[in-house]
Protein backbone atom coordinates (compact mmCIF):
# COMPACT_ATOMS: atom_id res chain seq x y z
CA ALA A 1 -14.75 2.43 -16.19
CA ILE A 2 -15.75 5.88 -18.15
CA PRO A 3 -15.00 6.13 -21.95
CA LEU A 4 -13.46 9.36 -22.06
CA HIS A 5 -14.14 9.71 -25.75
CA LEU A 6 -17.76 9.25 -24.91
CA TRP A 7 -17.23 11.46 -22.09
CA ASP A 8 -15.52 14.19 -23.88
CA LYS A 9 -17.98 14.57 -26.49
CA CYS A 10 -20.48 15.32 -24.04
CA VAL A 11 -18.70 18.32 -22.53
CA ARG A 12 -19.49 21.80 -23.28
CA LYS A 13 -18.33 25.10 -22.01
CA VAL A 14 -21.48 25.78 -19.10
CA GLU A 15 -21.66 29.41 -17.50
CA LEU A 16 -23.96 29.53 -14.53
CA GLU A 17 -25.45 32.41 -16.16
CA ASP A 18 -26.64 29.97 -18.81
CA LEU A 19 -28.52 27.87 -15.50
CA ARG A 20 -30.31 31.35 -13.82
CA GLY A 21 -33.36 30.02 -12.71
CA MET A 22 -33.38 26.44 -13.02
CA PRO A 23 -33.69 23.79 -9.82
CA SER A 24 -31.01 21.63 -9.55
CA TRP A 25 -30.65 18.45 -7.78
CA ASP A 26 -27.21 18.07 -5.98
CA GLY A 27 -24.48 15.85 -5.25
CA LEU A 28 -22.37 15.42 -1.62
CA ASP A 29 -19.44 13.95 -1.38
CA MET A 30 -17.63 14.59 1.89
CA ALA A 31 -14.09 13.57 1.81
CA SER A 32 -10.99 13.97 4.09
CA VAL A 33 -10.70 17.60 6.19
CA GLN A 34 -7.26 17.73 4.29
CA ASP A 35 -8.64 16.98 0.69
CA ILE A 36 -11.29 16.72 -2.31
CA THR A 37 -14.95 17.94 -1.25
CA ALA A 38 -17.65 17.81 -4.37
CA LYS A 39 -20.46 19.48 -4.40
CA VAL A 40 -22.02 18.43 -8.28
CA LYS A 41 -25.13 20.26 -9.39
CA VAL A 42 -27.60 18.59 -12.16
CA PHE A 43 -29.82 20.61 -14.02
CA TYR A 44 -32.59 19.07 -16.27
CA ASP A 45 -33.43 21.18 -19.62
CA GLU A 46 -37.08 20.15 -20.51
CA ASP A 47 -36.16 22.10 -24.17
CA SER A 48 -33.41 19.83 -25.19
CA GLU A 49 -34.09 16.85 -22.46
CA LYS A 50 -30.49 16.95 -21.45
CA TYR A 51 -29.46 16.70 -17.47
CA ILE A 52 -26.93 19.29 -17.24
CA VAL A 53 -23.41 18.89 -14.97
CA TYR A 54 -21.97 21.44 -12.92
CA PRO A 55 -19.30 20.83 -10.25
CA PHE A 56 -17.99 22.47 -7.72
CA LEU A 57 -14.59 20.96 -6.31
CA PHE A 58 -13.42 22.67 -3.21
CA THR A 59 -9.52 21.88 -1.61
CA PRO A 60 -8.14 23.01 1.64
CA LYS A 61 -5.54 26.41 -0.03
CA ASN A 62 -3.04 26.46 3.03
CA THR A 63 -2.04 22.53 2.34
CA LEU A 64 -2.14 22.83 -1.08
CA GLN A 65 1.59 22.83 -2.32
CA GLU A 66 2.47 19.55 0.21
CA ARG A 67 -0.41 17.93 -1.09
CA VAL A 68 0.76 18.52 -4.92
CA ARG A 69 4.22 16.56 -3.87
CA ARG A 70 2.52 14.05 -1.86
CA ASP A 71 0.17 13.22 -4.74
CA ASP A 72 2.44 14.14 -7.59
CA VAL A 73 -0.66 15.97 -8.80
CA ARG A 74 -0.86 19.62 -9.92
CA TYR A 75 -3.52 20.74 -7.87
CA ASP A 76 -1.80 24.54 -7.75
CA LEU A 77 -2.75 24.74 -11.28
CA TYR A 78 -5.99 23.34 -11.43
CA VAL A 79 -6.74 25.98 -8.58
CA LYS A 80 -5.39 28.70 -11.23
CA GLU A 81 -7.11 27.20 -14.29
CA GLY A 82 -10.47 27.70 -11.37
CA ASP A 83 -11.69 24.17 -12.07
CA LEU A 84 -10.75 23.60 -8.54
CA ILE A 85 -11.75 26.05 -5.58
CA ALA A 86 -9.15 26.49 -2.71
CA LEU A 87 -10.52 27.54 0.66
CA LYS A 88 -8.37 29.47 3.21
CA GLY A 89 -7.52 27.10 6.27
CA ASN A 90 -5.40 23.94 6.60
CA SER A 91 -9.20 21.63 6.32
CA ILE A 92 -11.75 22.51 4.60
CA ASP A 93 -13.83 24.91 6.54
CA PHE A 94 -17.35 23.73 5.99
CA GLU A 95 -19.39 26.78 6.93
CA LYS A 96 -17.34 28.35 3.89
CA MET A 97 -18.38 25.93 1.64
CA TYR A 98 -22.05 25.89 2.90
CA ASP A 99 -21.72 29.74 2.39
CA TYR A 100 -20.28 29.72 -0.95
CA MET A 101 -22.71 27.70 -2.30
CA GLU A 102 -25.33 30.01 -0.85
CA GLU A 103 -23.87 32.74 -2.63
CA VAL A 104 -23.93 30.79 -5.97
CA ASN A 105 -27.91 29.60 -5.67
CA THR A 106 -28.89 33.24 -4.44
CA LYS A 107 -27.02 35.01 -7.16
CA TYR A 108 -28.17 32.68 -9.91
CA GLU A 109 -31.36 32.08 -8.62
CA ILE A 110 -31.16 28.10 -8.28
CA GLY A 111 -33.91 26.38 -6.19
CA VAL A 112 -32.19 23.32 -4.96
CA GLU A 113 -34.83 20.26 -5.01
CA GLU A 114 -32.56 17.78 -3.34
CA ILE A 115 -29.37 16.99 -1.63
CA ALA A 116 -28.03 13.58 -1.78
CA PHE A 117 -24.98 13.17 0.27
CA ASP A 118 -22.58 10.69 1.42
CA ARG A 119 -24.28 8.70 4.70
CA TRP A 120 -20.84 8.30 6.16
CA GLY A 121 -19.04 11.49 5.06
CA ALA A 122 -21.37 14.18 6.06
CA ILE A 123 -22.68 13.87 9.50
CA GLY A 124 -21.06 17.14 10.62
CA ILE A 125 -22.75 19.14 8.23
CA ARG A 126 -25.87 17.54 7.93
CA SER A 127 -28.02 18.97 10.57
CA LYS A 128 -27.33 22.47 8.71
CA LEU A 129 -28.24 21.04 5.72
CA GLU A 130 -31.27 19.88 7.13
CA LYS A 131 -32.63 23.47 8.02
CA ASP A 132 -32.97 24.47 4.43
CA TYR A 133 -33.05 21.65 2.41
CA ILE A 134 -34.56 18.05 1.55
CA VAL A 135 -31.28 15.67 1.64
CA LEU A 136 -31.10 12.13 1.16
CA PRO A 137 -28.44 9.67 2.36
CA PHE A 138 -26.92 8.08 -0.64
CA GLY A 139 -24.48 4.62 0.27
CA GLN A 140 -21.75 3.77 -1.65
CA GLY A 141 -22.97 -0.10 -2.10
CA TYR A 142 -24.18 -1.88 -5.04
CA ALA A 143 -27.61 -1.51 -4.76
CA THR A 144 -27.42 2.24 -4.43
CA MET A 145 -24.92 2.95 -7.11
CA SER A 146 -25.71 0.66 -9.66
CA PRO A 147 -28.80 1.78 -11.01
CA ALA A 148 -27.22 5.41 -10.76
CA ILE A 149 -24.39 4.33 -12.88
CA LYS A 150 -26.36 2.54 -15.50
CA ASP A 151 -28.30 5.89 -16.24
CA PHE A 152 -25.15 7.50 -16.06
CA GLU A 153 -23.77 5.65 -19.09
CA ASN A 154 -27.16 5.63 -20.92
CA LEU A 155 -27.02 9.18 -21.28
CA LEU A 156 -23.63 9.20 -21.69
CA LEU A 157 -24.18 6.84 -25.05
CA ASP A 158 -27.23 8.96 -26.00
CA GLU A 159 -25.34 12.20 -25.42
CA LYS A 160 -28.54 13.30 -23.09
CA ILE A 161 -25.82 14.55 -20.52
CA VAL A 162 -24.08 17.41 -20.89
CA ILE A 163 -20.92 18.03 -18.81
CA ALA A 164 -19.57 21.58 -17.60
CA ASP A 165 -16.31 21.65 -18.83
CA ASN A 166 -14.00 20.99 -16.14
CA LYS A 167 -10.17 19.73 -16.38
CA PHE A 168 -10.59 18.53 -12.45
CA LEU A 169 -13.80 16.62 -13.22
CA ARG A 170 -12.36 14.65 -16.18
CA TRP A 171 -9.13 14.12 -14.38
CA MET A 172 -11.35 11.94 -11.99
CA ALA A 173 -13.18 10.63 -14.80
CA GLN A 174 -10.01 9.11 -16.43
CA ASN A 175 -9.20 7.75 -12.76
CA VAL A 176 -12.71 5.59 -11.98
CA VAL A 177 -12.13 2.00 -11.36
CA ALA A 178 -15.50 -0.22 -11.49
CA VAL A 179 -16.26 -3.34 -9.86
CA MET A 180 -18.91 -6.01 -10.16
CA ASP A 181 -20.87 -8.30 -7.71
CA ASP A 182 -21.99 -11.82 -8.63
CA ALA A 183 -25.42 -10.58 -9.74
CA ALA A 184 -23.37 -8.25 -12.44
CA ASN A 185 -24.06 -5.11 -10.38
CA ILE A 186 -21.26 -2.29 -10.50
CA LYS A 187 -20.40 0.65 -8.89
CA TYR A 188 -17.45 3.30 -8.94
CA SER A 189 -14.19 2.10 -6.11
CA LYS A 190 -12.68 4.69 -3.94
CA LYS A 191 -10.07 2.00 -3.03
CA LYS A 192 -9.55 0.28 -6.00
CA SER A 193 -9.03 3.52 -7.91
CA LYS A 194 -5.65 5.12 -7.66
CA ASN A 195 -6.25 8.88 -7.66
CA LYS A 196 -9.50 10.94 -6.59
CA ILE A 197 -13.05 10.28 -8.04
CA ASP A 198 -15.17 12.37 -5.55
CA GLY A 199 -16.50 14.25 -7.78
CA ILE A 200 -17.93 11.65 -10.04
CA ILE A 201 -19.43 10.20 -6.93
CA ALA A 202 -21.34 13.57 -6.57
CA MET A 203 -22.28 13.69 -9.47
CA LEU A 204 -23.93 10.28 -9.56
CA MET A 205 -25.77 11.55 -6.50
CA GLY A 206 -27.07 14.26 -8.12
CA LEU A 207 -27.72 12.41 -11.03
CA SER A 208 -29.48 9.89 -9.23
CA ARG A 209 -32.21 12.40 -8.26
CA ALA A 210 -32.21 14.23 -11.01
CA VAL A 211 -33.51 11.13 -13.07
CA TYR A 212 -35.68 10.19 -10.75
CA ASN A 213 -37.56 13.42 -10.59
CA ASN A 214 -37.59 13.92 -14.13
CA GLY A 215 -39.52 10.50 -15.42
CA VAL A 216 -36.35 8.26 -16.75
CA GLU A 217 -36.14 5.09 -15.30
CA GLU A 218 -37.32 5.20 -11.71
CA PHE A 219 -35.15 4.46 -8.45
CA ASP A 220 -36.06 5.22 -4.73
CA ILE A 221 -33.10 5.88 -3.09
CA GLU A 222 -34.85 5.73 0.28
CA LYS A 223 -35.70 1.97 -0.67
CA SER A 224 -31.86 1.15 -0.64
CA THR A 225 -30.15 -0.05 2.67
CA GLU A 226 -26.94 -1.37 1.46
CA GLU A 227 -23.79 0.73 3.05
């Protein structure tokens, strides 16, 4: 569903230092506690009028080798190369993940404007996030995803998006399968996609809020009720 030749044109080496002091709109996709959880930050650079995608992809460290064999995916190499973050434990420790992201935000003076999250997957961490941030549910249905995907595709075609170089996120991009309803609305399907796409879903969440708040094709997530 995502043309990799267009994706690769938008990939750049991005350092967090380059993003110091910039506001971000975050997408949070909470997968199974023993799998991949994605927190993707999206920034808007007013000078270049481009959106910048910077992913944080987490996985449990203790079960890493077991899942390498189960999924036939070299998660261990992605961890070694710094594209996947392994947190100690048999499952995702959401407190550790939260603390990790707080350290990043503090160190680089990043102000989080909003966090969009999967309404079904983030129940356990939602109350904690709501104490410090504006959080918005993001459904996985056509009504919510289709506008976000169309914005993403337009930005990709126009090269108005910068994607931080992350091989694990690119691997997820190549896994994406899109499905369409009778009205030609589209969504990215986790069920149809053979492998993980959590980082791409989180990217769409963050991008939808960044686009909405920076004057491009306004779409109000709160008016969408489809799951």
